[in-house]
Amino acid sequence: YGEAVLELHQDAIHAGERVLVIDDVLATG
């Protein structure tokens, strides 16, 4: 229905760190 914007602190993840992304529902991706 439109557009949204997400943000993440620039210093929250360092180069090379391995990350698991979690959400409640995967819909359109």
mmCIF file of all heavy atoms, coordinates in Angstrom:
data_MODEL
# 
_entry.id   MODEL 
# 
loop_
_atom_site.group_PDB 
_atom_site.id 
_atom_site.type_symbol 
_atom_site.label_atom_id 
_atom_site.label_alt_id 
_atom_site.label_comp_id 
_atom_site.label_asym_id 
_atom_site.label_entity_id 
_atom_site.label_seq_id 
_atom_site.pdbx_PDB_ins_code 
_atom_site.Cartn_x 
_atom_site.Cartn_y 
_atom_site.Cartn_z 
_atom_site.occupancy 
_atom_site.B_iso_or_equiv 
_atom_site.pdbx_formal_charge 
_atom_site.auth_seq_id 
_atom_site.auth_comp_id 
_atom_site.auth_asym_id 
_atom_site.auth_atom_id 
_atom_site.pdbx_PDB_model_num 
ATOM 1   N N   . TYR A 1 1  ? 0.803  -1.224  0.000  1.00 0.00 ? 1  TYR A N   1 
ATOM 2   C CA  . TYR A 1 1  ? 0.000  0.000   0.000  1.00 0.00 ? 1  TYR A CA  1 
ATOM 3   C C   . TYR A 1 1  ? 0.836  1.274   0.000  1.00 0.00 ? 1  TYR A C   1 
ATOM 4   O O   . TYR A 1 1  ? 0.323  2.349   0.275  1.00 0.00 ? 1  TYR A O   1 
ATOM 5   C CB  . TYR A 1 1  ? -0.909 -0.001  1.233  1.00 0.00 ? 1  TYR A CB  1 
ATOM 6   C CG  . TYR A 1 1  ? -0.158 -0.308  2.512  1.00 0.00 ? 1  TYR A CG  1 
ATOM 7   C CD1 . TYR A 1 1  ? 0.505  0.688   3.213  1.00 0.00 ? 1  TYR A CD1 1 
ATOM 8   C CD2 . TYR A 1 1  ? -0.077 -1.613  2.982  1.00 0.00 ? 1  TYR A CD2 1 
ATOM 9   C CE1 . TYR A 1 1  ? 1.221  0.399   4.354  1.00 0.00 ? 1  TYR A CE1 1 
ATOM 10  C CE2 . TYR A 1 1  ? 0.633  -1.909  4.139  1.00 0.00 ? 1  TYR A CE2 1 
ATOM 11  C CZ  . TYR A 1 1  ? 1.267  -0.895  4.818  1.00 0.00 ? 1  TYR A CZ  1 
ATOM 12  O OH  . TYR A 1 1  ? 1.982  -1.200  5.948  1.00 0.00 ? 1  TYR A OH  1 
ATOM 13  N N   . GLY A 1 2  ? 2.123  1.180   -0.280 1.00 0.00 ? 2  GLY A N   1 
ATOM 14  C CA  . GLY A 1 2  ? 2.945  2.385   -0.269 1.00 0.00 ? 2  GLY A CA  1 
ATOM 15  C C   . GLY A 1 2  ? 4.402  2.066   -0.035 1.00 0.00 ? 2  GLY A C   1 
ATOM 16  O O   . GLY A 1 2  ? 4.913  1.062   -0.494 1.00 0.00 ? 2  GLY A O   1 
ATOM 17  N N   . GLU A 1 3  ? 5.061  2.950   0.693  1.00 0.00 ? 3  GLU A N   1 
ATOM 18  C CA  . GLU A 1 3  ? 6.487  2.809   0.969  1.00 0.00 ? 3  GLU A CA  1 
ATOM 19  C C   . GLU A 1 3  ? 6.731  3.011   2.457  1.00 0.00 ? 3  GLU A C   1 
ATOM 20  O O   . GLU A 1 3  ? 6.002  3.739   3.120  1.00 0.00 ? 3  GLU A O   1 
ATOM 21  C CB  . GLU A 1 3  ? 7.270  3.841   0.159  1.00 0.00 ? 3  GLU A CB  1 
ATOM 22  C CG  . GLU A 1 3  ? 8.763  3.665   0.222  1.00 0.00 ? 3  GLU A CG  1 
ATOM 23  C CD  . GLU A 1 3  ? 9.510  4.640   -0.682 1.00 0.00 ? 3  GLU A CD  1 
ATOM 24  O OE1 . GLU A 1 3  ? 9.705  4.317   -1.861 1.00 0.00 ? 3  GLU A OE1 1 
ATOM 25  O OE2 . GLU A 1 3  ? 9.885  5.720   -0.176 1.00 0.00 ? 3  GLU A OE2 1 
ATOM 26  N N   . ALA A 1 4  ? 7.760  2.363   2.975  1.00 0.00 ? 4  ALA A N   1 
ATOM 27  C CA  . ALA A 1 4  ? 8.161  2.522   4.371  1.00 0.00 ? 4  ALA A CA  1 
ATOM 28  C C   . ALA A 1 4  ? 9.678  2.660   4.419  1.00 0.00 ? 4  ALA A C   1 
ATOM 29  O O   . ALA A 1 4  ? 10.377 2.364   3.451  1.00 0.00 ? 4  ALA A O   1 
ATOM 30  C CB  . ALA A 1 4  ? 7.702  1.336   5.208  1.00 0.00 ? 4  ALA A CB  1 
ATOM 31  N N   . VAL A 1 5  ? 10.178 3.124   5.559  1.00 0.00 ? 5  VAL A N   1 
ATOM 32  C CA  . VAL A 1 5  ? 11.615 3.285   5.761  1.00 0.00 ? 5  VAL A CA  1 
ATOM 33  C C   . VAL A 1 5  ? 11.990 2.598   7.064  1.00 0.00 ? 5  VAL A C   1 
ATOM 34  O O   . VAL A 1 5  ? 11.331 2.780   8.091  1.00 0.00 ? 5  VAL A O   1 
ATOM 35  C CB  . VAL A 1 5  ? 12.013 4.782   5.820  1.00 0.00 ? 5  VAL A CB  1 
ATOM 36  C CG1 . VAL A 1 5  ? 13.501 4.936   6.111  1.00 0.00 ? 5  VAL A CG1 1 
ATOM 37  C CG2 . VAL A 1 5  ? 11.642 5.487   4.520  1.00 0.00 ? 5  VAL A CG2 1 
ATOM 38  N N   . LEU A 1 6  ? 13.052 1.790   7.012  1.00 0.00 ? 6  LEU A N   1 
ATOM 39  C CA  . LEU A 1 6  ? 13.613 1.165   8.205  1.00 0.00 ? 6  LEU A CA  1 
ATOM 40  C C   . LEU A 1 6  ? 14.995 1.734   8.466  1.00 0.00 ? 6  LEU A C   1 
ATOM 41  O O   . LEU A 1 6  ? 15.687 2.163   7.530  1.00 0.00 ? 6  LEU A O   1 
ATOM 42  C CB  . LEU A 1 6  ? 13.715 -0.352  8.034  1.00 0.00 ? 6  LEU A CB  1 
ATOM 43  C CG  . LEU A 1 6  ? 12.417 -1.142  8.005  1.00 0.00 ? 6  LEU A CG  1 
ATOM 44  C CD1 . LEU A 1 6  ? 12.705 -2.620  7.784  1.00 0.00 ? 6  LEU A CD1 1 
ATOM 45  C CD2 . LEU A 1 6  ? 11.617 -0.935  9.269  1.00 0.00 ? 6  LEU A CD2 1 
ATOM 46  N N   . GLU A 1 7  ? 15.403 1.700   9.750  1.00 0.00 ? 7  GLU A N   1 
ATOM 47  C CA  . GLU A 1 7  ? 16.713 2.206   10.142 1.00 0.00 ? 7  GLU A CA  1 
ATOM 48  C C   . GLU A 1 7  ? 17.416 1.235   11.073 1.00 0.00 ? 7  GLU A C   1 
ATOM 49  O O   . GLU A 1 7  ? 16.771 0.457   11.789 1.00 0.00 ? 7  GLU A O   1 
ATOM 50  C CB  . GLU A 1 7  ? 16.582 3.552   10.864 1.00 0.00 ? 7  GLU A CB  1 
ATOM 51  C CG  . GLU A 1 7  ? 16.059 4.671   10.004 1.00 0.00 ? 7  GLU A CG  1 
ATOM 52  C CD  . GLU A 1 7  ? 16.014 6.003   10.744 1.00 0.00 ? 7  GLU A CD  1 
ATOM 53  O OE1 . GLU A 1 7  ? 15.857 6.026   11.978 1.00 0.00 ? 7  GLU A OE1 1 
ATOM 54  O OE2 . GLU A 1 7  ? 16.139 7.032   10.066 1.00 0.00 ? 7  GLU A OE2 1 
ATOM 55  N N   . LEU A 1 8  ? 18.736 1.339   11.069 1.00 0.00 ? 8  LEU A N   1 
ATOM 56  C CA  . LEU A 1 8  ? 19.610 0.550   11.931 1.00 0.00 ? 8  LEU A CA  1 
ATOM 57  C C   . LEU A 1 8  ? 20.766 1.455   12.334 1.00 0.00 ? 8  LEU A C   1 
ATOM 58  O O   . LEU A 1 8  ? 21.302 2.193   11.485 1.00 0.00 ? 8  LEU A O   1 
ATOM 59  C CB  . LEU A 1 8  ? 20.126 -0.666  11.148 1.00 0.00 ? 8  LEU A CB  1 
ATOM 60  C CG  . LEU A 1 8  ? 21.176 -1.561  11.779 1.00 0.00 ? 8  LEU A CG  1 
ATOM 61  C CD1 . LEU A 1 8  ? 20.561 -2.386  12.909 1.00 0.00 ? 8  LEU A CD1 1 
ATOM 62  C CD2 . LEU A 1 8  ? 21.752 -2.494  10.732 1.00 0.00 ? 8  LEU A CD2 1 
ATOM 63  N N   . HIS A 1 9  ? 21.141 1.444   13.608 1.00 0.00 ? 9  HIS A N   1 
ATOM 64  C CA  . HIS A 1 9  ? 22.305 2.235   14.024 1.00 0.00 ? 9  HIS A CA  1 
ATOM 65  C C   . HIS A 1 9  ? 23.527 1.819   13.218 1.00 0.00 ? 9  HIS A C   1 
ATOM 66  O O   . HIS A 1 9  ? 23.791 0.624   13.047 1.00 0.00 ? 9  HIS A O   1 
ATOM 67  C CB  . HIS A 1 9  ? 22.606 2.040   15.518 1.00 0.00 ? 9  HIS A CB  1 
ATOM 68  C CG  . HIS A 1 9  ? 21.795 2.922   16.399 1.00 0.00 ? 9  HIS A CG  1 
ATOM 69  N ND1 . HIS A 1 9  ? 21.134 2.459   17.496 1.00 0.00 ? 9  HIS A ND1 1 
ATOM 70  C CD2 . HIS A 1 9  ? 21.550 4.265   16.352 1.00 0.00 ? 9  HIS A CD2 1 
ATOM 71  C CE1 . HIS A 1 9  ? 20.508 3.461   18.097 1.00 0.00 ? 9  HIS A CE1 1 
ATOM 72  N NE2 . HIS A 1 9  ? 20.745 4.563   17.416 1.00 0.00 ? 9  HIS A NE2 1 
ATOM 73  N N   . GLN A 1 10 ? 24.293 2.805   12.764 1.00 0.00 ? 10 GLN A N   1 
ATOM 74  C CA  . GLN A 1 10 ? 25.469 2.527   11.934 1.00 0.00 ? 10 GLN A CA  1 
ATOM 75  C C   . GLN A 1 10 ? 26.522 1.700   12.666 1.00 0.00 ? 10 GLN A C   1 
ATOM 76  O O   . GLN A 1 10 ? 27.261 0.947   12.039 1.00 0.00 ? 10 GLN A O   1 
ATOM 77  C CB  . GLN A 1 10 ? 26.092 3.843   11.455 1.00 0.00 ? 10 GLN A CB  1 
ATOM 78  C CG  . GLN A 1 10 ? 25.246 4.566   10.449 1.00 0.00 ? 10 GLN A CG  1 
ATOM 79  C CD  . GLN A 1 10 ? 25.867 5.872   9.989  1.00 0.00 ? 10 GLN A CD  1 
ATOM 80  O OE1 . GLN A 1 10 ? 26.997 6.217   10.334 1.00 0.00 ? 10 GLN A OE1 1 
ATOM 81  N NE2 . GLN A 1 10 ? 25.117 6.624   9.201  1.00 0.00 ? 10 GLN A NE2 1 
ATOM 82  N N   . ASP A 1 11 ? 26.586 1.840   13.996 1.00 0.00 ? 11 ASP A N   1 
ATOM 83  C CA  . ASP A 1 11 ? 27.611 1.124   14.758 1.00 0.00 ? 11 ASP A CA  1 
ATOM 84  C C   . ASP A 1 11 ? 27.085 -0.151  15.437 1.00 0.00 ? 11 ASP A C   1 
ATOM 85  O O   . ASP A 1 11 ? 27.772 -0.753  16.252 1.00 0.00 ? 11 ASP A O   1 
ATOM 86  C CB  . ASP A 1 11 ? 28.232 2.044   15.810 1.00 0.00 ? 11 ASP A CB  1 
ATOM 87  C CG  . ASP A 1 11 ? 27.220 2.563   16.825 1.00 0.00 ? 11 ASP A CG  1 
ATOM 88  O OD1 . ASP A 1 11 ? 26.003 2.284   16.699 1.00 0.00 ? 11 ASP A OD1 1 
ATOM 89  O OD2 . ASP A 1 11 ? 27.649 3.280   17.757 1.00 0.00 ? 11 ASP A OD2 1 
ATOM 90  N N   . ALA A 1 12 ? 25.892 -0.589  15.074 1.00 0.00 ? 12 ALA A N   1 
ATOM 91  C CA  . ALA A 1 12 ? 25.279 -1.742  15.746 1.00 0.00 ? 12 ALA A CA  1 
ATOM 92  C C   . ALA A 1 12 ? 25.881 -3.076  15.316 1.00 0.00 ? 12 ALA A C   1 
ATOM 93  O O   . ALA A 1 12 ? 25.902 -4.034  16.084 1.00 0.00 ? 12 ALA A O   1 
ATOM 94  C CB  . ALA A 1 12 ? 23.771 -1.758  15.492 1.00 0.00 ? 12 ALA A CB  1 
ATOM 95  N N   . ILE A 1 13 ? 26.366 -3.122  14.089 1.00 0.00 ? 13 ILE A N   1 
ATOM 96  C CA  . ILE A 1 13 ? 26.942 -4.346  13.533 1.00 0.00 ? 13 ILE A CA  1 
ATOM 97  C C   . ILE A 1 13 ? 28.281 -3.976  12.927 1.00 0.00 ? 13 ILE A C   1 
ATOM 98  O O   . ILE A 1 13 ? 28.393 -2.981  12.199 1.00 0.00 ? 13 ILE A O   1 
ATOM 99  C CB  . ILE A 1 13 ? 26.004 -4.957  12.479 1.00 0.00 ? 13 ILE A CB  1 
ATOM 100 C CG1 . ILE A 1 13 ? 24.687 -5.379  13.152 1.00 0.00 ? 13 ILE A CG1 1 
ATOM 101 C CG2 . ILE A 1 13 ? 26.658 -6.141  11.775 1.00 0.00 ? 13 ILE A CG2 1 
ATOM 102 C CD1 . ILE A 1 13 ? 23.584 -5.733  12.204 1.00 0.00 ? 13 ILE A CD1 1 
ATOM 103 N N   . HIS A 1 14 ? 29.294 -4.783  13.220 1.00 0.00 ? 14 HIS A N   1 
ATOM 104 C CA  . HIS A 1 14 ? 30.636 -4.513  12.704 1.00 0.00 ? 14 HIS A CA  1 
ATOM 105 C C   . HIS A 1 14 ? 30.935 -5.383  11.493 1.00 0.00 ? 14 HIS A C   1 
ATOM 106 O O   . HIS A 1 14 ? 30.340 -6.457  11.328 1.00 0.00 ? 14 HIS A O   1 
ATOM 107 C CB  . HIS A 1 14 ? 31.670 -4.752  13.818 1.00 0.00 ? 14 HIS A CB  1 
ATOM 108 C CG  . HIS A 1 14 ? 31.432 -3.869  15.002 1.00 0.00 ? 14 HIS A CG  1 
ATOM 109 N ND1 . HIS A 1 14 ? 30.942 -4.342  16.185 1.00 0.00 ? 14 HIS A ND1 1 
ATOM 110 C CD2 . HIS A 1 14 ? 31.576 -2.526  15.152 1.00 0.00 ? 14 HIS A CD2 1 
ATOM 111 C CE1 . HIS A 1 14 ? 30.803 -3.342  17.041 1.00 0.00 ? 14 HIS A CE1 1 
ATOM 112 N NE2 . HIS A 1 14 ? 31.178 -2.231  16.440 1.00 0.00 ? 14 HIS A NE2 1 
ATOM 113 N N   . ALA A 1 15 ? 31.863 -4.911  10.680 1.00 0.00 ? 15 ALA A N   1 
ATOM 114 C CA  . ALA A 1 15 ? 32.233 -5.617  9.456  1.00 0.00 ? 15 ALA A CA  1 
ATOM 115 C C   . ALA A 1 15 ? 32.574 -7.073  9.764  1.00 0.00 ? 15 ALA A C   1 
ATOM 116 O O   . ALA A 1 15 ? 33.310 -7.365  10.712 1.00 0.00 ? 15 ALA A O   1 
ATOM 117 C CB  . ALA A 1 15 ? 33.428 -4.931  8.796  1.00 0.00 ? 15 ALA A CB  1 
ATOM 118 N N   . GLY A 1 16 ? 31.988 -7.959  8.992  1.00 0.00 ? 16 GLY A N   1 
ATOM 119 C CA  . GLY A 1 16 ? 32.262 -9.388  9.118  1.00 0.00 ? 16 GLY A CA  1 
ATOM 120 C C   . GLY A 1 16 ? 31.405 -10.119 10.134 1.00 0.00 ? 16 GLY A C   1 
ATOM 121 O O   . GLY A 1 16 ? 31.428 -11.360 10.179 1.00 0.00 ? 16 GLY A O   1 
ATOM 122 N N   . GLU A 1 17 ? 30.665 -9.399  10.969 1.00 0.00 ? 17 GLU A N   1 
ATOM 123 C CA  . GLU A 1 17 ? 29.828 -10.099 11.943 1.00 0.00 ? 17 GLU A CA  1 
ATOM 124 C C   . GLU A 1 17 ? 28.716 -10.863 11.239 1.00 0.00 ? 17 GLU A C   1 
ATOM 125 O O   . GLU A 1 17 ? 28.106 -10.373 10.288 1.00 0.00 ? 17 GLU A O   1 
ATOM 126 C CB  . GLU A 1 17 ? 29.229 -9.123  12.960 1.00 0.00 ? 17 GLU A CB  1 
ATOM 127 C CG  . GLU A 1 17 ? 30.239 -8.647  13.973 1.00 0.00 ? 17 GLU A CG  1 
ATOM 128 C CD  . GLU A 1 17 ? 29.612 -7.829  15.087 1.00 0.00 ? 17 GLU A CD  1 
ATOM 129 O OE1 . GLU A 1 17 ? 28.785 -6.939  14.796 1.00 0.00 ? 17 GLU A OE1 1 
ATOM 130 O OE2 . GLU A 1 17 ? 29.986 -8.064  16.254 1.00 0.00 ? 17 GLU A OE2 1 
ATOM 131 N N   . ARG A 1 18 ? 28.470 -12.081 11.745 1.00 0.00 ? 18 ARG A N   1 
ATOM 132 C CA  . ARG A 1 18 ? 27.412 -12.935 11.210 1.00 0.00 ? 18 ARG A CA  1 
ATOM 133 C C   . ARG A 1 18 ? 26.119 -12.626 11.967 1.00 0.00 ? 18 ARG A C   1 
ATOM 134 O O   . ARG A 1 18 ? 26.118 -12.564 13.190 1.00 0.00 ? 18 ARG A O   1 
ATOM 135 C CB  . ARG A 1 18 ? 27.796 -14.400 11.365 1.00 0.00 ? 18 ARG A CB  1 
ATOM 136 C CG  . ARG A 1 18 ? 29.049 -14.738 10.535 1.00 0.00 ? 18 ARG A CG  1 
ATOM 137 C CD  . ARG A 1 18 ? 29.504 -16.179 10.694 1.00 0.00 ? 18 ARG A CD  1 
ATOM 138 N NE  . ARG A 1 18 ? 28.520 -17.066 10.089 1.00 0.00 ? 18 ARG A NE  1 
ATOM 139 C CZ  . ARG A 1 18 ? 27.734 -17.914 10.776 1.00 0.00 ? 18 ARG A CZ  1 
ATOM 140 N NH1 . ARG A 1 18 ? 27.816 -18.000 12.083 1.00 0.00 ? 18 ARG A NH1 1 
ATOM 141 N NH2 . ARG A 1 18 ? 26.873 -18.690 10.146 1.00 0.00 ? 18 ARG A NH2 1 
ATOM 142 N N   . VAL A 1 19 ? 25.029 -12.463 11.218 1.00 0.00 ? 19 VAL A N   1 
ATOM 143 C CA  . VAL A 1 19 ? 23.779 -11.977 11.776 1.00 0.00 ? 19 VAL A CA  1 
ATOM 144 C C   . VAL A 1 19 ? 22.626 -12.916 11.418 1.00 0.00 ? 19 VAL A C   1 
ATOM 145 O O   . VAL A 1 19 ? 22.523 -13.383 10.284 1.00 0.00 ? 19 VAL A O   1 
ATOM 146 C CB  . VAL A 1 19 ? 23.476 -10.561 11.227 1.00 0.00 ? 19 VAL A CB  1 
ATOM 147 C CG1 . VAL A 1 19 ? 22.133 -10.056 11.696 1.00 0.00 ? 19 VAL A CG1 1 
ATOM 148 C CG2 . VAL A 1 19 ? 24.593 -9.588  11.627 1.00 0.00 ? 19 VAL A CG2 1 
ATOM 149 N N   . LEU A 1 20 ? 21.764 -13.158 12.402 1.00 0.00 ? 20 LEU A N   1 
ATOM 150 C CA  . LEU A 1 20 ? 20.495 -13.851 12.184 1.00 0.00 ? 20 LEU A CA  1 
ATOM 151 C C   . LEU A 1 20 ? 19.394 -12.804 12.244 1.00 0.00 ? 20 LEU A C   1 
ATOM 152 O O   . LEU A 1 20 ? 19.294 -12.055 13.212 1.00 0.00 ? 20 LEU A O   1 
ATOM 153 C CB  . LEU A 1 20 ? 20.263 -14.911 13.265 1.00 0.00 ? 20 LEU A CB  1 
ATOM 154 C CG  . LEU A 1 20 ? 18.918 -15.642 13.229 1.00 0.00 ? 20 LEU A CG  1 
ATOM 155 C CD1 . LEU A 1 20 ? 18.770 -16.466 11.951 1.00 0.00 ? 20 LEU A CD1 1 
ATOM 156 C CD2 . LEU A 1 20 ? 18.778 -16.532 14.465 1.00 0.00 ? 20 LEU A CD2 1 
ATOM 157 N N   . VAL A 1 21 ? 18.564 -12.727 11.206 1.00 0.00 ? 21 VAL A N   1 
ATOM 158 C CA  . VAL A 1 21 ? 17.455 -11.785 11.159 1.00 0.00 ? 21 VAL A CA  1 
ATOM 159 C C   . VAL A 1 21 ? 16.185 -12.525 11.583 1.00 0.00 ? 21 VAL A C   1 
ATOM 160 O O   . VAL A 1 21 ? 15.874 -13.589 11.051 1.00 0.00 ? 21 VAL A O   1 
ATOM 161 C CB  . VAL A 1 21 ? 17.278 -11.189 9.743  1.00 0.00 ? 21 VAL A CB  1 
ATOM 162 C CG1 . VAL A 1 21 ? 16.042 -10.297 9.684  1.00 0.00 ? 21 VAL A CG1 1 
ATOM 163 C CG2 . VAL A 1 21 ? 18.519 -10.412 9.334  1.00 0.00 ? 21 VAL A CG2 1 
ATOM 164 N N   . ILE A 1 22 ? 15.467 -11.932 12.546 1.00 0.00 ? 22 ILE A N   1 
ATOM 165 C CA  . ILE A 1 22 ? 14.248 -12.536 13.095 1.00 0.00 ? 22 ILE A CA  1 
ATOM 166 C C   . ILE A 1 22 ? 13.057 -11.613 12.867 1.00 0.00 ? 22 ILE A C   1 
ATOM 167 O O   . ILE A 1 22 ? 13.138 -10.403 13.106 1.00 0.00 ? 22 ILE A O   1 
ATOM 168 C CB  . ILE A 1 22 ? 14.382 -12.752 14.627 1.00 0.00 ? 22 ILE A CB  1 
ATOM 169 C CG1 . ILE A 1 22 ? 15.560 -13.646 14.974 1.00 0.00 ? 22 ILE A CG1 1 
ATOM 170 C CG2 . ILE A 1 22 ? 13.073 -13.256 15.226 1.00 0.00 ? 22 ILE A CG2 1 
ATOM 171 C CD1 . ILE A 1 22 ? 15.301 -15.105 14.914 1.00 0.00 ? 22 ILE A CD1 1 
ATOM 172 N N   . ASP A 1 23 ? 11.943 -12.206 12.448 1.00 0.00 ? 23 ASP A N   1 
ATOM 173 C CA  . ASP A 1 23 ? 10.682 -11.475 12.406 1.00 0.00 ? 23 ASP A CA  1 
ATOM 174 C C   . ASP A 1 23 ? 9.560  -12.455 12.720 1.00 0.00 ? 23 ASP A C   1 
ATOM 175 O O   . ASP A 1 23 ? 9.776  -13.668 12.753 1.00 0.00 ? 23 ASP A O   1 
ATOM 176 C CB  . ASP A 1 23 ? 10.468 -10.816 11.041 1.00 0.00 ? 23 ASP A CB  1 
ATOM 177 C CG  . ASP A 1 23 ? 9.561  -9.588  11.109 1.00 0.00 ? 23 ASP A CG  1 
ATOM 178 O OD1 . ASP A 1 23 ? 9.080  -9.244  12.212 1.00 0.00 ? 23 ASP A OD1 1 
ATOM 179 O OD2 . ASP A 1 23 ? 9.340  -8.960  10.055 1.00 0.00 ? 23 ASP A OD2 1 
ATOM 180 N N   . ASP A 1 24 ? 8.388  -11.924 12.968 1.00 0.00 ? 24 ASP A N   1 
ATOM 181 C CA  . ASP A 1 24 ? 7.257  -12.793 13.286 1.00 0.00 ? 24 ASP A CA  1 
ATOM 182 C C   . ASP A 1 24 ? 6.693  -13.450 12.035 1.00 0.00 ? 24 ASP A C   1 
ATOM 183 O O   . ASP A 1 24 ? 6.414  -14.643 12.034 1.00 0.00 ? 24 ASP A O   1 
ATOM 184 C CB  . ASP A 1 24 ? 6.169  -12.033 14.055 1.00 0.00 ? 24 ASP A CB  1 
ATOM 185 C CG  . ASP A 1 24 ? 5.569  -10.884 13.278 1.00 0.00 ? 24 ASP A CG  1 
ATOM 186 O OD1 . ASP A 1 24 ? 6.281  -10.256 12.466 1.00 0.00 ? 24 ASP A OD1 1 
ATOM 187 O OD2 . ASP A 1 24 ? 4.376  -10.605 13.478 1.00 0.00 ? 24 ASP A OD2 1 
ATOM 188 N N   . VAL A 1 25 ? 6.543  -12.672 10.950 1.00 0.00 ? 25 VAL A N   1 
ATOM 189 C CA  . VAL A 1 25 ? 5.910  -13.184 9.736  1.00 0.00 ? 25 VAL A CA  1 
ATOM 190 C C   . VAL A 1 25 ? 6.745  -12.822 8.512  1.00 0.00 ? 25 VAL A C   1 
ATOM 191 O O   . VAL A 1 25 ? 7.200  -11.682 8.374  1.00 0.00 ? 25 VAL A O   1 
ATOM 192 C CB  . VAL A 1 25 ? 4.491  -12.601 9.567  1.00 0.00 ? 25 VAL A CB  1 
ATOM 193 C CG1 . VAL A 1 25 ? 3.863  -13.048 8.253  1.00 0.00 ? 25 VAL A CG1 1 
ATOM 194 C CG2 . VAL A 1 25 ? 3.599  -12.997 10.735 1.00 0.00 ? 25 VAL A CG2 1 
ATOM 195 N N   . LEU A 1 26 ? 6.923  -13.789 7.623  1.00 0.00 ? 26 LEU A N   1 
ATOM 196 C CA  . LEU A 1 26 ? 7.476  -13.529 6.301  1.00 0.00 ? 26 LEU A CA  1 
ATOM 197 C C   . LEU A 1 26 ? 6.295  -13.545 5.335  1.00 0.00 ? 26 LEU A C   1 
ATOM 198 O O   . LEU A 1 26 ? 5.626  -14.567 5.184  1.00 0.00 ? 26 LEU A O   1 
ATOM 199 C CB  . LEU A 1 26 ? 8.496  -14.600 5.902  1.00 0.00 ? 26 LEU A CB  1 
ATOM 200 C CG  . LEU A 1 26 ? 9.054  -14.490 4.481  1.00 0.00 ? 26 LEU A CG  1 
ATOM 201 C CD1 . LEU A 1 26 ? 9.845  -13.196 4.309  1.00 0.00 ? 26 LEU A CD1 1 
ATOM 202 C CD2 . LEU A 1 26 ? 9.914  -15.695 4.151  1.00 0.00 ? 26 LEU A CD2 1 
ATOM 203 N N   . ALA A 1 27 ? 6.026  -12.386 4.728  1.00 0.00 ? 27 ALA A N   1 
ATOM 204 C CA  . ALA A 1 27 ? 4.919  -12.278 3.778  1.00 0.00 ? 27 ALA A CA  1 
ATOM 205 C C   . ALA A 1 27 ? 5.523  -12.124 2.380  1.00 0.00 ? 27 ALA A C   1 
ATOM 206 O O   . ALA A 1 27 ? 5.955  -13.102 1.790  1.00 0.00 ? 27 ALA A O   1 
ATOM 207 C CB  . ALA A 1 27 ? 4.000  -11.125 4.160  1.00 0.00 ? 27 ALA A CB  1 
ATOM 208 N N   . THR A 1 28 ? 5.617  -10.898 1.885  1.00 0.00 ? 28 THR A N   1 
ATOM 209 C CA  . THR A 1 28 ? 6.174  -10.669 0.551  1.00 0.00 ? 28 THR A CA  1 
ATOM 210 C C   . THR A 1 28 ? 7.702  -10.630 0.547  1.00 0.00 ? 28 THR A C   1 
ATOM 211 O O   . THR A 1 28 ? 8.317  -10.661 -0.511 1.00 0.00 ? 28 THR A O   1 
ATOM 212 C CB  . THR A 1 28 ? 5.644  -9.354  -0.043 1.00 0.00 ? 28 THR A CB  1 
ATOM 213 O OG1 . THR A 1 28 ? 6.078  -8.280  0.789  1.00 0.00 ? 28 THR A OG1 1 
ATOM 214 C CG2 . THR A 1 28 ? 4.131  -9.374  -0.153 1.00 0.00 ? 28 THR A CG2 1 
ATOM 215 N N   . GLY A 1 29 ? 8.309  -10.534 1.723  1.00 0.00 ? 29 GLY A N   1 
ATOM 216 C CA  . GLY A 1 29 ? 9.765  -10.516 1.836  1.00 0.00 ? 29 GLY A CA  1 
ATOM 217 C C   . GLY A 1 29 ? 10.391 -9.139  1.826  1.00 0.00 ? 29 GLY A C   1 
ATOM 218 O O   . GLY A 1 29 ? 11.588 -8.998  2.065  1.00 0.00 ? 29 GLY A O   1 
# 
